[in-house]
């Protein structure tokens, strides 16, 4: 089965040797999205909620470029620098995903790239 890279200027460019997302068959696998503003290439100041909105907007832009939407997410993984941010991120998450909700895992991790406090990856169905 072949794979096709997905790239959009409406989400942050990859900061390493990887694609924003890859399509194989009818599935789209995103790379983890940090709360990077695609216009500036930087993580903005503000609350964890502000950065969570940015992460989900970035995921939405990638999904749109691939021809799908957040409504077609089947699995997400949420990485948090501080698990105490889970409730706040969860409230923002609920604004972007509808029932039937995708399957989800959430973890506290020791560190994230660029000292981010949040990263989310997703798998979408076309």
PDB file of N, CA and C in Angstrom:
ATOM      1  N   UNK A   1       0.849  -1.164   0.000  1.00  0.00           N
ATOM      2  CA  UNK A   1       0.000   0.000   0.000  1.00  0.00           C
ATOM      3  C   UNK A   1       0.902   1.237   0.000  1.00  0.00           C
ATOM      4  N   UNK A   2       0.591   2.208  -0.836  1.00  0.00           N
ATOM      5  CA  UNK A   2       1.419   3.411  -0.916  1.00  0.00           C
ATOM      6  C   UNK A   2       1.005   4.435   0.134  1.00  0.00           C
ATOM      7  N   UNK A   3       1.901   5.368   0.388  1.00  0.00           N
ATOM      8  CA  UNK A   3       1.590   6.442   1.321  1.00  0.00           C
ATOM      9  C   UNK A   3       1.809   7.780   0.624  1.00  0.00           C
ATOM     10  N   UNK A   4       0.956   8.738   0.985  1.00  0.00           N
ATOM     11  CA  UNK A   4       0.988  10.060   0.373  1.00  0.00           C
ATOM     12  C   UNK A   4       1.138  11.091   1.486  1.00  0.00           C
ATOM     13  N   UNK A   5       2.161  11.971   1.406  1.00  0.00           N
ATOM     14  CA  UNK A   5       2.291  12.997   2.435  1.00  0.00           C
ATOM     15  C   UNK A   5       1.202  14.055   2.283  1.00  0.00           C
ATOM     16  N   UNK A   6       0.777  14.605   3.417  1.00  0.00           N
ATOM     17  CA  UNK A   6      -0.205  15.692   3.465  1.00  0.00           C
ATOM     18  C   UNK A   6       0.529  16.907   4.019  1.00  0.00           C
ATOM     19  N   UNK A   7       0.384  18.060   3.358  1.00  0.00           N
ATOM     20  CA  UNK A   7       1.055  19.281   3.807  1.00  0.00           C
ATOM     21  C   UNK A   7       0.156  20.469   3.546  1.00  0.00           C
ATOM     22  N   UNK A   8       0.036  21.353   4.540  1.00  0.00           N
ATOM     23  CA  UNK A   8      -0.714  22.591   4.402  1.00  0.00           C
ATOM     24  C   UNK A   8       0.033  23.722   5.087  1.00  0.00           C
ATOM     25  N   UNK A   9      -0.060  24.908   4.516  1.00  0.00           N
ATOM     26  CA  UNK A   9       0.518  26.094   5.145  1.00  0.00           C
ATOM     27  C   UNK A   9      -0.354  26.607   6.286  1.00  0.00           C
ATOM     28  N   UNK A  10      -1.552  26.025   6.447  1.00  0.00           N
ATOM     29  CA  UNK A  10      -2.474  26.448   7.507  1.00  0.00           C
ATOM     30  C   UNK A  10      -2.218  25.748   8.835  1.00  0.00           C
ATOM     31  N   UNK A  11      -1.165  24.952   8.891  1.00  0.00           N
ATOM     32  CA  UNK A  11      -0.710  24.301  10.122  1.00  0.00           C
ATOM     33  C   UNK A  11       0.810  24.455  10.153  1.00  0.00           C
ATOM     34  N   UNK A  12       1.418  24.310  11.317  1.00  0.00           N
ATOM     35  CA  UNK A  12       2.869  24.499  11.409  1.00  0.00           C
ATOM     36  C   UNK A  12       3.632  23.527  10.520  1.00  0.00           C
ATOM     37  N   UNK A  13       4.690  24.019   9.917  1.00  0.00           N
ATOM     38  CA  UNK A  13       5.575  23.160   9.127  1.00  0.00           C
ATOM     39  C   UNK A  13       6.258  22.166  10.066  1.00  0.00           C
ATOM     40  N   UNK A  14       6.614  21.026   9.534  1.00  0.00           N
ATOM     41  CA  UNK A  14       7.347  20.029  10.316  1.00  0.00           C
ATOM     42  C   UNK A  14       8.667  20.635  10.783  1.00  0.00           C
ATOM     43  N   UNK A  15       9.065  20.338  12.018  1.00  0.00           N
ATOM     44  CA  UNK A  15      10.319  20.862  12.563  1.00  0.00           C
ATOM     45  C   UNK A  15      11.419  19.799  12.516  1.00  0.00           C
ATOM     46  N   UNK A  16      11.230  18.800  11.693  1.00  0.00           N
ATOM     47  CA  UNK A  16      12.202  17.721  11.554  1.00  0.00           C
ATOM     48  C   UNK A  16      11.896  16.919  10.305  1.00  0.00           C
ATOM     49  N   UNK A  17      12.534  15.777  10.162  1.00  0.00           N
ATOM     50  CA  UNK A  17      12.339  14.948   8.972  1.00  0.00           C
ATOM     51  C   UNK A  17      11.081  14.086   9.064  1.00  0.00           C
ATOM     52  N   UNK A  18       9.925  14.736   9.006  1.00  0.00           N
ATOM     53  CA  UNK A  18       8.650  14.030   9.040  1.00  0.00           C
ATOM     54  C   UNK A  18       7.602  14.848   8.303  1.00  0.00           C
ATOM     55  N   UNK A  19       6.474  14.236   8.030  1.00  0.00           N
ATOM     56  CA  UNK A  19       5.357  14.897   7.356  1.00  0.00           C
ATOM     57  C   UNK A  19       4.345  15.370   8.387  1.00  0.00           C
ATOM     58  N   UNK A  20       3.588  16.407   8.040  1.00  0.00           N
ATOM     59  CA  UNK A  20       2.488  16.825   8.918  1.00  0.00           C
ATOM     60  C   UNK A  20       1.516  15.661   9.083  1.00  0.00           C
ATOM     61  N   UNK A  21       1.291  14.938   8.001  1.00  0.00           N
ATOM     62  CA  UNK A  21       0.413  13.763   8.026  1.00  0.00           C
ATOM     63  C   UNK A  21       0.745  12.901   6.818  1.00  0.00           C
ATOM     64  N   UNK A  22       0.295  11.669   6.882  1.00  0.00           N
ATOM     65  CA  UNK A  22       0.483  10.723   5.782  1.00  0.00           C
ATOM     66  C   UNK A  22      -0.832   9.991   5.569  1.00  0.00           C
ATOM     67  N   UNK A  23      -1.209   9.867   4.303  1.00  0.00           N
ATOM     68  CA  UNK A  23      -2.390   9.081   3.947  1.00  0.00           C
ATOM     69  C   UNK A  23      -1.938   7.730   3.436  1.00  0.00           C
ATOM     70  N   UNK A  24      -2.575   6.693   3.941  1.00  0.00           N
ATOM     71  CA  UNK A  24      -2.406   5.357   3.398  1.00  0.00           C
ATOM     72  C   UNK A  24      -3.794   4.740   3.347  1.00  0.00           C
ATOM     73  N   UNK A  25      -4.193   4.320   2.157  1.00  0.00           N
ATOM     74  CA  UNK A  25      -5.553   3.829   1.990  1.00  0.00           C
ATOM     75  C   UNK A  25      -6.539   4.922   2.342  1.00  0.00           C
ATOM     76  N   UNK A  26      -7.519   4.592   3.170  1.00  0.00           N
ATOM     77  CA  UNK A  26      -8.518   5.588   3.566  1.00  0.00           C
ATOM     78  C   UNK A  26      -8.252   6.154   4.961  1.00  0.00           C
ATOM     79  N   UNK A  27      -7.009   6.050   5.421  1.00  0.00           N
ATOM     80  CA  UNK A  27      -6.645   6.574   6.741  1.00  0.00           C
ATOM     81  C   UNK A  27      -5.605   7.683   6.619  1.00  0.00           C
ATOM     82  N   UNK A  28      -5.747   8.686   7.481  1.00  0.00           N
ATOM     83  CA  UNK A  28      -4.789   9.780   7.597  1.00  0.00           C
ATOM     84  C   UNK A  28      -4.185   9.704   8.991  1.00  0.00           C
ATOM     85  N   UNK A  29      -2.862   9.657   9.072  1.00  0.00           N
ATOM     86  CA  UNK A  29      -2.138   9.629  10.343  1.00  0.00           C
ATOM     87  C   UNK A  29      -1.396  10.954  10.484  1.00  0.00           C
ATOM     88  N   UNK A  30      -1.740  11.741  11.497  1.00  0.00           N
ATOM     89  CA  UNK A  30      -1.029  13.004  11.683  1.00  0.00           C
ATOM     90  C   UNK A  30       0.175  12.808  12.586  1.00  0.00           C
ATOM     91  N   UNK A  31       1.148  13.661  12.385  1.00  0.00           N
ATOM     92  CA  UNK A  31       2.226  13.780  13.355  1.00  0.00           C
ATOM     93  C   UNK A  31       1.671  14.550  14.546  1.00  0.00           C
ATOM     94  N   UNK A  32       2.336  14.467  15.663  1.00  0.00           N
ATOM     95  CA  UNK A  32       1.901  15.226  16.822  1.00  0.00           C
ATOM     96  C   UNK A  32       1.925  16.711  16.520  1.00  0.00           C
ATOM     97  N   UNK A  33       0.857  17.390  16.898  1.00  0.00           N
ATOM     98  CA  UNK A  33       0.755  18.830  16.668  1.00  0.00           C
ATOM     99  C   UNK A  33       0.974  19.577  17.975  1.00  0.00           C
ATOM    100  N   UNK A  34       1.975  20.423  17.957  1.00  0.00           N
ATOM    101  CA  UNK A  34       2.260  21.295  19.086  1.00  0.00           C
ATOM    102  C   UNK A  34       1.427  22.570  18.926  1.00  0.00           C
ATOM    103  N   UNK A  35       1.305  23.352  19.976  1.00  0.00           N
ATOM    104  CA  UNK A  35       0.548  24.602  19.872  1.00  0.00           C
ATOM    105  C   UNK A  35       1.374  25.711  19.212  1.00  0.00           C
ATOM    106  N   UNK A  36       1.765  25.471  17.972  1.00  0.00           N
ATOM    107  CA  UNK A  36       2.564  26.433  17.212  1.00  0.00           C
ATOM    108  C   UNK A  36       1.634  27.220  16.306  1.00  0.00           C
ATOM    109  N   UNK A  37       1.766  28.534  16.340  1.00  0.00           N
ATOM    110  CA  UNK A  37       1.017  29.398  15.442  1.00  0.00           C
ATOM    111  C   UNK A  37       1.657  29.279  14.058  1.00  0.00           C
ATOM    112  N   UNK A  38       0.908  28.804  13.044  1.00  0.00           N
ATOM    113  CA  UNK A  38       1.519  28.621  11.720  1.00  0.00           C
ATOM    114  C   UNK A  38       1.998  29.933  11.093  1.00  0.00           C
ATOM    115  N   UNK A  39       1.435  31.057  11.504  1.00  0.00           N
ATOM    116  CA  UNK A  39       1.833  32.353  10.942  1.00  0.00           C
ATOM    117  C   UNK A  39       3.189  32.813  11.469  1.00  0.00           C
ATOM    118  N   UNK A  40       3.483  32.476  12.737  1.00  0.00           N
ATOM    119  CA  UNK A  40       4.726  32.957  13.355  1.00  0.00           C
ATOM    120  C   UNK A  40       5.763  31.858  13.555  1.00  0.00           C
ATOM    121  N   UNK A  41       5.300  30.604  13.574  1.00  0.00           N
ATOM    122  CA  UNK A  41       6.204  29.495  13.859  1.00  0.00           C
ATOM    123  C   UNK A  41       6.583  29.395  15.318  1.00  0.00           C
ATOM    124  N   UNK A  42       5.841  30.082  16.176  1.00  0.00           N
ATOM    125  CA  UNK A  42       6.165  30.107  17.608  1.00  0.00           C
ATOM    126  C   UNK A  42       4.981  29.621  18.450  1.00  0.00           C
ATOM    127  N   UNK A  43       5.296  29.173  19.650  1.00  0.00           N
ATOM    128  CA  UNK A  43       4.265  28.815  20.632  1.00  0.00           C
ATOM    129  C   UNK A  43       3.869  30.100  21.346  1.00  0.00           C
ATOM    130  N   UNK A  44       2.596  30.480  21.281  1.00  0.00           N
ATOM    131  CA  UNK A  44       2.191  31.748  21.895  1.00  0.00           C
ATOM    132  C   UNK A  44       2.095  31.664  23.419  1.00  0.00           C
ATOM    133  N   UNK A  45       2.223  32.817  24.037  1.00  0.00           N
ATOM    134  CA  UNK A  45       1.965  32.937  25.473  1.00  0.00           C
ATOM    135  C   UNK A  45       0.465  32.733  25.680  1.00  0.00           C
ATOM    136  N   UNK A  46       0.058  32.573  26.925  1.00  0.00           N
ATOM    137  CA  UNK A  46      -1.358  32.438  27.224  1.00  0.00           C
ATOM    138  C   UNK A  46      -1.626  31.198  28.036  1.00  0.00           C
ATOM    139  N   UNK A  47      -2.888  30.874  28.125  1.00  0.00           N
ATOM    140  CA  UNK A  47      -3.320  29.744  28.946  1.00  0.00           C
ATOM    141  C   UNK A  47      -3.188  28.426  28.195  1.00  0.00           C
ATOM    142  N   UNK A  48      -3.267  27.337  28.924  1.00  0.00           N
ATOM    143  CA  UNK A  48      -3.279  26.020  28.299  1.00  0.00           C
ATOM    144  C   UNK A  48      -4.491  25.893  27.384  1.00  0.00           C
ATOM    145  N   UNK A  49      -5.591  26.526  27.748  1.00  0.00           N
ATOM    146  CA  UNK A  49      -6.793  26.488  26.889  1.00  0.00           C
ATOM    147  C   UNK A  49      -6.511  27.172  25.553  1.00  0.00           C
ATOM    148  N   UNK A  50      -5.816  28.318  25.577  1.00  0.00           N
ATOM    149  CA  UNK A  50      -5.467  29.020  24.337  1.00  0.00           C
ATOM    150  C   UNK A  50      -4.617  28.120  23.439  1.00  0.00           C
ATOM    151  N   UNK A  51      -3.645  27.466  24.042  1.00  0.00           N
ATOM    152  CA  UNK A  51      -2.764  26.594  23.252  1.00  0.00           C
ATOM    153  C   UNK A  51      -3.505  25.353  22.773  1.00  0.00           C
ATOM    154  N   UNK A  52      -4.442  24.835  23.561  1.00  0.00           N
ATOM    155  CA  UNK A  52      -5.233  23.677  23.125  1.00  0.00           C
ATOM    156  C   UNK A  52      -6.083  24.046  21.902  1.00  0.00           C
ATOM    157  N   UNK A  53      -6.701  25.225  21.922  1.00  0.00           N
ATOM    158  CA  UNK A  53      -7.466  25.664  20.747  1.00  0.00           C
ATOM    159  C   UNK A  53      -6.569  25.681  19.510  1.00  0.00           C
ATOM    160  N   UNK A  54      -5.354  26.167  19.659  1.00  0.00           N
ATOM    161  CA  UNK A  54      -4.426  26.238  18.533  1.00  0.00           C
ATOM    162  C   UNK A  54      -4.072  24.846  18.019  1.00  0.00           C
ATOM    163  N   UNK A  55      -3.834  23.910  18.919  1.00  0.00           N
ATOM    164  CA  UNK A  55      -3.527  22.531  18.515  1.00  0.00           C
ATOM    165  C   UNK A  55      -4.682  21.948  17.706  1.00  0.00           C
ATOM    166  N   UNK A  56      -5.916  22.116  18.176  1.00  0.00           N
ATOM    167  CA  UNK A  56      -7.054  21.522  17.478  1.00  0.00           C
ATOM    168  C   UNK A  56      -7.346  22.242  16.158  1.00  0.00           C
ATOM    169  N   UNK A  57      -7.070  23.535  16.088  1.00  0.00           N
ATOM    170  CA  UNK A  57      -7.193  24.241  14.805  1.00  0.00           C
ATOM    171  C   UNK A  57      -6.155  23.727  13.815  1.00  0.00           C
ATOM    172  N   UNK A  58      -4.940  23.454  14.294  1.00  0.00           N
ATOM    173  CA  UNK A  58      -3.907  22.902  13.425  1.00  0.00           C
ATOM    174  C   UNK A  58      -4.299  21.515  12.930  1.00  0.00           C
ATOM    175  N   UNK A  59      -4.799  20.671  13.825  1.00  0.00           N
ATOM    176  CA  UNK A  59      -5.260  19.341  13.402  1.00  0.00           C
ATOM    177  C   UNK A  59      -6.393  19.451  12.392  1.00  0.00           C
ATOM    178  N   UNK A  60      -7.300  20.386  12.610  1.00  0.00           N
ATOM    179  CA  UNK A  60      -8.416  20.587  11.697  1.00  0.00           C
ATOM    180  C   UNK A  60      -7.924  21.013  10.312  1.00  0.00           C
ATOM    181  N   UNK A  61      -6.922  21.889  10.266  1.00  0.00           N
ATOM    182  CA  UNK A  61      -6.370  22.342   8.982  1.00  0.00           C
ATOM    183  C   UNK A  61      -5.734  21.189   8.214  1.00  0.00           C
ATOM    184  N   UNK A  62      -5.042  20.321   8.921  1.00  0.00           N
ATOM    185  CA  UNK A  62      -4.431  19.152   8.273  1.00  0.00           C
ATOM    186  C   UNK A  62      -5.511  18.213   7.767  1.00  0.00           C
ATOM    187  N   UNK A  63      -6.521  17.972   8.596  1.00  0.00           N
ATOM    188  CA  UNK A  63      -7.625  17.103   8.177  1.00  0.00           C
ATOM    189  C   UNK A  63      -8.303  17.669   6.927  1.00  0.00           C
ATOM    190  N   UNK A  64      -8.548  18.965   6.924  1.00  0.00           N
ATOM    191  CA  UNK A  64      -9.198  19.602   5.772  1.00  0.00           C
ATOM    192  C   UNK A  64      -8.346  19.429   4.517  1.00  0.00           C
ATOM    193  N   UNK A  65      -7.041  19.649   4.632  1.00  0.00           N
ATOM    194  CA  UNK A  65      -6.139  19.490   3.484  1.00  0.00           C
ATOM    195  C   UNK A  65      -6.199  18.063   2.943  1.00  0.00           C
ATOM    196  N   UNK A  66      -6.418  17.100   3.835  1.00  0.00           N
ATOM    197  CA  UNK A  66      -6.486  15.690   3.442  1.00  0.00           C
ATOM    198  C   UNK A  66      -7.860  15.300   2.900  1.00  0.00           C
ATOM    199  N   UNK A  67      -8.829  16.218   2.993  1.00  0.00           N
ATOM    200  CA  UNK A  67     -10.163  15.914   2.489  1.00  0.00           C
ATOM    201  C   UNK A  67     -11.094  15.318   3.528  1.00  0.00           C
ATOM    202  N   UNK A  68     -10.807  15.565   4.793  1.00  0.00           N
ATOM    203  CA  UNK A  68     -11.657  15.044   5.862  1.00  0.00           C
ATOM    204  C   UNK A  68     -11.857  16.147   6.906  1.00  0.00           C
ATOM    205  N   UNK A  69     -12.309  15.775   8.089  1.00  0.00           N
ATOM    206  CA  UNK A  69     -12.544  16.766   9.143  1.00  0.00           C
ATOM    207  C   UNK A  69     -12.384  16.097  10.505  1.00  0.00           C
ATOM    208  N   UNK A  70     -12.421  16.918  11.542  1.00  0.00           N
ATOM    209  CA  UNK A  70     -12.326  16.368  12.895  1.00  0.00           C
ATOM    210  C   UNK A  70     -13.458  15.392  13.180  1.00  0.00           C
ATOM    211  N   UNK A  71     -14.593  15.545  12.499  1.00  0.00           N
ATOM    212  CA  UNK A  71     -15.716  14.612  12.688  1.00  0.00           C
ATOM    213  C   UNK A  71     -15.350  13.183  12.310  1.00  0.00           C
ATOM    214  N   UNK A  72     -14.312  13.026  11.498  1.00  0.00           N
ATOM    215  CA  UNK A  72     -13.906  11.697  11.051  1.00  0.00           C
ATOM    216  C   UNK A  72     -12.673  11.170  11.780  1.00  0.00           C
ATOM    217  N   UNK A  73     -12.330  11.797  12.906  1.00  0.00           N
ATOM    218  CA  UNK A  73     -11.226  11.277  13.717  1.00  0.00           C
ATOM    219  C   UNK A  73     -11.667   9.972  14.364  1.00  0.00           C
ATOM    220  N   UNK A  74     -10.819   8.964  14.284  1.00  0.00           N
ATOM    221  CA  UNK A  74     -11.136   7.680  14.909  1.00  0.00           C
ATOM    222  C   UNK A  74     -10.292   7.431  16.156  1.00  0.00           C
ATOM    223  N   UNK A  75      -9.148   8.150  16.275  1.00  0.00           N
ATOM    224  CA  UNK A  75      -8.262   7.956  17.430  1.00  0.00           C
ATOM    225  C   UNK A  75      -7.434   9.206  17.625  1.00  0.00           C
ATOM    226  N   UNK A  76      -7.329   9.659  18.860  1.00  0.00           N
ATOM    227  CA  UNK A  76      -6.424  10.755  19.198  1.00  0.00           C
ATOM    228  C   UNK A  76      -5.546  10.330  20.367  1.00  0.00           C
ATOM    229  N   UNK A  77      -4.382  10.933  20.419  1.00  0.00           N
ATOM    230  CA  UNK A  77      -3.482  10.750  21.552  1.00  0.00           C
ATOM    231  C   UNK A  77      -3.067  12.132  22.027  1.00  0.00           C
ATOM    232  N   UNK A  78      -3.261  12.386  23.309  1.00  0.00           N
ATOM    233  CA  UNK A  78      -2.962  13.678  23.925  1.00  0.00           C
ATOM    234  C   UNK A  78      -1.753  13.498  24.848  1.00  0.00           C
ATOM    235  N   UNK A  79      -0.730  14.299  24.615  1.00  0.00           N
ATOM    236  CA  UNK A  79       0.473  14.281  25.445  1.00  0.00           C
ATOM    237  C   UNK A  79       0.515  15.597  26.217  1.00  0.00           C
ATOM    238  N   UNK A  80       0.632  15.512  27.533  1.00  0.00           N
ATOM    239  CA  UNK A  80       0.652  16.688  28.398  1.00  0.00           C
ATOM    240  C   UNK A  80       1.945  16.730  29.204  1.00  0.00           C
ATOM    241  N   UNK A  81       2.519  17.910  29.314  1.00  0.00           N
ATOM    242  CA  UNK A  81       3.680  18.071  30.183  1.00  0.00           C
ATOM    243  C   UNK A  81       3.255  17.995  31.651  1.00  0.00           C
ATOM    244  N   UNK A  82       1.989  18.343  31.924  1.00  0.00           N
ATOM    245  CA  UNK A  82       1.462  18.311  33.286  1.00  0.00           C
ATOM    246  C   UNK A  82       0.044  17.732  33.247  1.00  0.00           C
ATOM    247  N   UNK A  83      -0.150  16.567  33.804  1.00  0.00           N
ATOM    248  CA  UNK A  83      -1.460  15.904  33.782  1.00  0.00           C
ATOM    249  C   UNK A  83      -2.519  16.746  34.481  1.00  0.00           C
ATOM    250  N   UNK A  84      -2.105  17.688  35.318  1.00  0.00           N
ATOM    251  CA  UNK A  84      -3.067  18.581  35.964  1.00  0.00           C
ATOM    252  C   UNK A  84      -3.774  19.495  34.962  1.00  0.00           C
ATOM    253  N   UNK A  85      -3.252  19.598  33.749  1.00  0.00           N
ATOM    254  CA  UNK A  85      -3.902  20.368  32.682  1.00  0.00           C
ATOM    255  C   UNK A  85      -4.976  19.553  31.958  1.00  0.00           C
ATOM    256  N   UNK A  86      -5.134  18.284  32.314  1.00  0.00           N
ATOM    257  CA  UNK A  86      -6.059  17.404  31.596  1.00  0.00           C
ATOM    258  C   UNK A  86      -7.481  17.957  31.551  1.00  0.00           C
ATOM    259  N   UNK A  87      -8.028  18.403  32.667  1.00  0.00           N
ATOM    260  CA  UNK A  87      -9.412  18.875  32.694  1.00  0.00           C
ATOM    261  C   UNK A  87      -9.602  20.087  31.777  1.00  0.00           C
ATOM    262  N   UNK A  88      -8.675  21.019  31.810  1.00  0.00           N
ATOM    263  CA  UNK A  88      -8.777  22.213  30.960  1.00  0.00           C
ATOM    264  C   UNK A  88      -8.683  21.836  29.483  1.00  0.00           C
ATOM    265  N   UNK A  89      -7.751  20.968  29.133  1.00  0.00           N
ATOM    266  CA  UNK A  89      -7.611  20.529  27.742  1.00  0.00           C
ATOM    267  C   UNK A  89      -8.840  19.737  27.321  1.00  0.00           C
ATOM    268  N   UNK A  90      -9.368  18.923  28.222  1.00  0.00           N
ATOM    269  CA  UNK A  90     -10.549  18.121  27.922  1.00  0.00           C
ATOM    270  C   UNK A  90     -11.753  19.007  27.582  1.00  0.00           C
ATOM    271  N   UNK A  91     -11.898  20.124  28.286  1.00  0.00           N
ATOM    272  CA  UNK A  91     -13.010  21.039  27.995  1.00  0.00           C
ATOM    273  C   UNK A  91     -12.873  21.640  26.605  1.00  0.00           C
ATOM    274  N   UNK A  92     -11.667  21.970  26.207  1.00  0.00           N
ATOM    275  CA  UNK A  92     -11.441  22.488  24.851  1.00  0.00           C
ATOM    276  C   UNK A  92     -11.656  21.377  23.833  1.00  0.00           C
ATOM    277  N   UNK A  93     -11.139  20.200  24.113  1.00  0.00           N
ATOM    278  CA  UNK A  93     -11.290  19.025  23.239  1.00  0.00           C
ATOM    279  C   UNK A  93     -12.762  18.807  22.898  1.00  0.00           C
ATOM    280  N   UNK A  94     -13.624  18.915  23.899  1.00  0.00           N
ATOM    281  CA  UNK A  94     -15.059  18.665  23.708  1.00  0.00           C
ATOM    282  C   UNK A  94     -15.710  19.685  22.771  1.00  0.00           C
ATOM    283  N   UNK A  95     -15.061  20.819  22.540  1.00  0.00           N
ATOM    284  CA  UNK A  95     -15.581  21.820  21.612  1.00  0.00           C
ATOM    285  C   UNK A  95     -15.258  21.490  20.158  1.00  0.00           C
ATOM    286  N   UNK A  96     -14.325  20.563  19.943  1.00  0.00           N
ATOM    287  CA  UNK A  96     -13.867  20.249  18.589  1.00  0.00           C
ATOM    288  C   UNK A  96     -14.310  18.873  18.091  1.00  0.00           C
ATOM    289  N   UNK A  97     -14.627  17.968  19.003  1.00  0.00           N
ATOM    290  CA  UNK A  97     -15.004  16.613  18.618  1.00  0.00           C
ATOM    291  C   UNK A  97     -16.437  16.334  19.057  1.00  0.00           C
ATOM    292  N   UNK A  98     -17.183  15.653  18.191  1.00  0.00           N
ATOM    293  CA  UNK A  98     -18.588  15.341  18.446  1.00  0.00           C
ATOM    294  C   UNK A  98     -18.780  13.841  18.592  1.00  0.00           C
ATOM    295  N   UNK A  99     -19.940  13.467  19.140  1.00  0.00           N
ATOM    296  CA  UNK A  99     -20.273  12.039  19.233  1.00  0.00           C
ATOM    297  C   UNK A  99     -20.543  11.486  17.848  1.00  0.00           C
ATOM    298  N   UNK A 100     -20.167  10.282  17.567  1.00  0.00           N
ATOM    299  CA  UNK A 100     -19.399   9.401  18.458  1.00  0.00           C
ATOM    300  C   UNK A 100     -17.947   9.878  18.524  1.00  0.00           C
ATOM    301  N   UNK A 101     -17.488  10.116  19.745  1.00  0.00           N
ATOM    302  CA  UNK A 101     -16.143  10.638  19.957  1.00  0.00           C
ATOM    303  C   UNK A 101     -15.099   9.622  19.497  1.00  0.00           C
ATOM    304  N   UNK A 102     -13.940  10.125  19.045  1.00  0.00           N
ATOM    305  CA  UNK A 102     -12.870   9.184  18.704  1.00  0.00           C
ATOM    306  C   UNK A 102     -12.343   8.497  19.960  1.00  0.00           C
ATOM    307  N   UNK A 103     -11.747   7.351  19.774  1.00  0.00           N
ATOM    308  CA  UNK A 103     -11.021   6.728  20.879  1.00  0.00           C
ATOM    309  C   UNK A 103      -9.883   7.676  21.257  1.00  0.00           C
ATOM    310  N   UNK A 104      -9.459   7.647  22.528  1.00  0.00           N
ATOM    311  CA  UNK A 104      -8.424   8.598  22.949  1.00  0.00           C
ATOM    312  C   UNK A 104      -7.573   8.009  24.053  1.00  0.00           C
ATOM    313  N   UNK A 105      -6.311   8.366  24.013  1.00  0.00           N
ATOM    314  CA  UNK A 105      -5.386   8.110  25.117  1.00  0.00           C
ATOM    315  C   UNK A 105      -4.825   9.455  25.537  1.00  0.00           C
ATOM    316  N   UNK A 106      -4.472   9.595  26.799  1.00  0.00           N
ATOM    317  CA  UNK A 106      -3.844  10.820  27.294  1.00  0.00           C
ATOM    318  C   UNK A 106      -2.744  10.434  28.273  1.00  0.00           C
ATOM    319  N   UNK A 107      -1.609  11.105  28.146  1.00  0.00           N
ATOM    320  CA  UNK A 107      -0.447  10.780  28.963  1.00  0.00           C
ATOM    321  C   UNK A 107       0.248  12.036  29.442  1.00  0.00           C
ATOM    322  N   UNK A 108       0.808  11.984  30.626  1.00  0.00           N
ATOM    323  CA  UNK A 108       1.785  12.980  31.036  1.00  0.00           C
ATOM    324  C   UNK A 108       3.137  12.470  30.577  1.00  0.00           C
ATOM    325  N   UNK A 109       3.920  13.349  29.983  1.00  0.00           N
ATOM    326  CA  UNK A 109       5.241  12.983  29.486  1.00  0.00           C
ATOM    327  C   UNK A 109       6.292  13.860  30.153  1.00  0.00           C
ATOM    328  N   UNK A 110       7.524  13.402  30.150  1.00  0.00           N
ATOM    329  CA  UNK A 110       8.595  14.141  30.822  1.00  0.00           C
ATOM    330  C   UNK A 110       8.909  15.457  30.125  1.00  0.00           C
ATOM    331  N   UNK A 111       8.823  15.474  28.807  1.00  0.00           N
ATOM    332  CA  UNK A 111       9.123  16.697  28.053  1.00  0.00           C
ATOM    333  C   UNK A 111       8.564  16.557  26.642  1.00  0.00           C
ATOM    334  N   UNK A 112       8.285  17.707  26.028  1.00  0.00           N
ATOM    335  CA  UNK A 112       7.810  17.766  24.649  1.00  0.00           C
ATOM    336  C   UNK A 112       8.738  18.691  23.860  1.00  0.00           C
ATOM    337  N   UNK A 113       8.794  18.532  22.534  1.00  0.00           N
ATOM    338  CA  UNK A 113       9.642  19.406  21.733  1.00  0.00           C
ATOM    339  C   UNK A 113       9.306  20.883  21.950  1.00  0.00           C
ATOM    340  N   UNK A 114      10.315  21.721  21.847  1.00  0.00           N
ATOM    341  CA  UNK A 114      10.192  23.177  21.980  1.00  0.00           C
ATOM    342  C   UNK A 114       9.630  23.601  23.337  1.00  0.00           C
ATOM    343  N   UNK A 115       9.777  22.731  24.345  1.00  0.00           N
ATOM    344  CA  UNK A 115       9.268  22.992  25.703  1.00  0.00           C
ATOM    345  C   UNK A 115       7.759  23.219  25.713  1.00  0.00           C
ATOM    346  N   UNK A 116       7.049  22.634  24.764  1.00  0.00           N
ATOM    347  CA  UNK A 116       5.589  22.757  24.708  1.00  0.00           C
ATOM    348  C   UNK A 116       4.974  22.045  25.902  1.00  0.00           C
ATOM    349  N   UNK A 117       3.741  22.436  26.224  1.00  0.00           N
ATOM    350  CA  UNK A 117       3.036  21.782  27.319  1.00  0.00           C
ATOM    351  C   UNK A 117       1.949  20.841  26.833  1.00  0.00           C
ATOM    352  N   UNK A 118       1.774  20.754  25.495  1.00  0.00           N
ATOM    353  CA  UNK A 118       0.702  19.949  24.920  1.00  0.00           C
ATOM    354  C   UNK A 118       1.081  19.526  23.510  1.00  0.00           C
ATOM    355  N   UNK A 119       0.742  18.302  23.161  1.00  0.00           N
ATOM    356  CA  UNK A 119       0.898  17.793  21.794  1.00  0.00           C
ATOM    357  C   UNK A 119      -0.231  16.794  21.567  1.00  0.00           C
ATOM    358  N   UNK A 120      -0.827  16.825  20.378  1.00  0.00           N
ATOM    359  CA  UNK A 120      -1.914  15.897  20.062  1.00  0.00           C
ATOM    360  C   UNK A 120      -1.689  15.337  18.664  1.00  0.00           C
ATOM    361  N   UNK A 121      -1.867  14.028  18.534  1.00  0.00           N
ATOM    362  CA  UNK A 121      -1.838  13.379  17.221  1.00  0.00           C
ATOM    363  C   UNK A 121      -3.185  12.717  17.005  1.00  0.00           C
ATOM    364  N   UNK A 122      -3.508  12.476  15.729  1.00  0.00           N
ATOM    365  CA  UNK A 122      -4.824  11.903  15.413  1.00  0.00           C
ATOM    366  C   UNK A 122      -4.730  10.973  14.221  1.00  0.00           C
ATOM    367  N   UNK A 123      -5.707  10.080  14.149  1.00  0.00           N
ATOM    368  CA  UNK A 123      -5.911   9.224  12.990  1.00  0.00           C
ATOM    369  C   UNK A 123      -7.325   9.519  12.488  1.00  0.00           C
ATOM    370  N   UNK A 124      -7.427   9.799  11.187  1.00  0.00           N
ATOM    371  CA  UNK A 124      -8.693  10.118  10.555  1.00  0.00           C
ATOM    372  C   UNK A 124      -9.049   9.087   9.508  1.00  0.00           C
ATOM    373  N   UNK A 125     -10.332   8.902   9.305  1.00  0.00           N
ATOM    374  CA  UNK A 125     -10.833   8.059   8.233  1.00  0.00           C
ATOM    375  C   UNK A 125     -11.393   8.982   7.151  1.00  0.00           C
ATOM    376  N   UNK A 126     -11.107   8.650   5.899  1.00  0.00           N
ATOM    377  CA  UNK A 126     -11.684   9.425   4.791  1.00  0.00           C
ATOM    378  C   UNK A 126     -13.091   8.991   4.517  1.00  0.00           C
TER     379      UNK A 126
END
